[in-house]
């Protein structure tokens, strides 16, 4: 599956996702600026991304923990999600995300 990621400079990156991995892991392994300070435990918001509106409703709903973390994050938008909580799967092939400001 492909992930189309826009970095903070506005540059586009097409990344190869791995089934069962989180989008955060793919972004981090590609060297994109995702701090992911908690390592994907949904205990921080340093992997926040903006999901393209055409993809947002295709994702599973946010957990209470993810909602709580986003409540404490900066620059939260209506399509904000934690990339550690988005699992790569064939139905998300082509998902578009933008890395949120630090």
Protein backbone atom coordinates (compact mmCIF):
# COMPACT_ATOMS: atom_id res chain seq x y z
CA UNK A 1 0.00 0.00 0.00
CA UNK A 2 1.12 3.55 -0.68
CA UNK A 3 1.12 6.48 1.73
CA UNK A 4 1.31 9.96 0.23
CA UNK A 5 2.84 12.20 2.90
CA UNK A 6 3.41 15.94 2.78
CA UNK A 7 6.19 17.14 5.05
CA UNK A 8 6.31 20.49 6.87
CA UNK A 9 8.06 22.14 3.90
CA UNK A 10 5.24 21.09 1.56
CA UNK A 11 7.28 18.38 -0.19
CA UNK A 12 5.43 15.21 -1.21
CA UNK A 13 6.74 11.76 -0.37
CA UNK A 14 5.31 8.49 -1.69
CA UNK A 15 6.04 5.78 0.85
CA UNK A 16 5.49 2.05 0.81
CA UNK A 17 3.34 1.00 3.76
CA UNK A 18 3.64 -2.38 5.41
CA UNK A 19 0.49 -4.28 6.31
CA UNK A 20 -0.08 -4.10 10.06
CA UNK A 21 2.46 -1.33 10.66
CA UNK A 22 1.34 2.10 11.83
CA UNK A 23 1.59 5.09 9.54
CA UNK A 24 3.84 6.64 12.21
CA UNK A 25 6.35 3.79 11.83
CA UNK A 26 6.42 4.26 8.05
CA UNK A 27 6.88 8.05 8.33
CA UNK A 28 9.62 7.68 10.96
CA UNK A 29 11.48 4.96 9.04
CA UNK A 30 11.41 7.17 5.93
CA UNK A 31 13.25 9.87 7.89
CA UNK A 32 10.34 12.29 7.99
CA UNK A 33 10.15 14.66 10.99
CA UNK A 34 7.77 12.72 13.23
CA UNK A 35 9.06 12.79 16.81
CA UNK A 36 6.88 9.90 18.02
CA UNK A 37 8.26 10.42 21.51
CA UNK A 38 6.13 7.68 23.09
CA UNK A 39 7.04 5.16 20.41
CA UNK A 40 3.47 4.66 19.28
CA UNK A 41 1.79 4.06 22.63
CA UNK A 42 -0.79 6.85 22.14
CA UNK A 43 0.77 8.68 25.09
CA UNK A 44 1.81 11.89 23.31
CA UNK A 45 0.73 13.80 20.23
CA UNK A 46 4.11 14.21 18.53
CA UNK A 47 3.05 12.06 15.55
CA UNK A 48 -0.01 14.16 14.70
CA UNK A 49 -0.97 14.28 11.04
CA UNK A 50 -3.76 15.89 9.09
CA UNK A 51 -5.58 13.24 7.11
CA UNK A 52 -6.82 14.32 3.70
CA UNK A 53 -10.60 14.85 3.99
CA UNK A 54 -11.34 12.22 1.33
CA UNK A 55 -9.62 9.63 3.57
CA UNK A 56 -10.63 10.80 7.03
CA UNK A 57 -14.03 9.07 7.17
CA UNK A 58 -12.51 5.80 5.95
CA UNK A 59 -10.49 5.48 9.17
CA UNK A 60 -11.78 3.72 12.29
CA UNK A 61 -13.08 6.17 14.90
CA UNK A 62 -10.65 7.70 17.37
CA UNK A 63 -10.26 5.92 20.69
CA UNK A 64 -10.83 7.87 23.91
CA UNK A 65 -7.04 7.85 24.47
CA UNK A 66 -6.39 9.35 21.04
CA UNK A 67 -9.06 12.00 21.58
CA UNK A 68 -7.49 12.90 24.94
CA UNK A 69 -4.01 13.22 23.39
CA UNK A 70 -5.31 15.41 20.56
CA UNK A 71 -7.07 17.62 23.14
CA UNK A 72 -3.60 18.49 24.49
CA UNK A 73 -1.91 18.90 21.10
CA UNK A 74 -1.20 22.14 19.27
CA UNK A 75 -2.50 23.09 15.82
CA UNK A 76 -5.28 20.49 15.93
CA UNK A 77 -7.53 20.51 12.86
CA UNK A 78 -10.83 18.70 12.22
CA UNK A 79 -8.96 15.97 10.33
CA UNK A 80 -6.17 15.54 12.90
CA UNK A 81 -5.21 12.00 13.87
CA UNK A 82 -2.26 10.42 15.60
CA UNK A 83 -0.34 8.53 12.95
CA UNK A 84 0.52 5.81 15.49
CA UNK A 85 -3.19 4.98 15.59
CA UNK A 86 -3.59 4.51 11.82
CA UNK A 87 -2.75 0.95 10.82
CA UNK A 88 -1.60 0.24 7.28
CA UNK A 89 -4.07 -1.97 5.43
CA UNK A 90 -4.94 -2.56 1.77
CA UNK A 91 -8.12 -0.46 2.04
CA UNK A 92 -5.95 2.57 2.88
CA UNK A 93 -3.82 2.29 -0.26
CA UNK A 94 -3.10 5.85 -1.39
CA UNK A 95 -3.99 7.55 1.90
CA UNK A 96 -2.81 11.16 2.03
CA UNK A 97 -1.52 12.74 5.22
CA UNK A 98 0.28 15.97 6.10
CA UNK A 99 2.66 16.11 9.04
CA UNK A 100 1.36 18.64 11.58
CA UNK A 101 3.56 21.48 12.90
CA UNK A 102 5.76 20.69 15.89
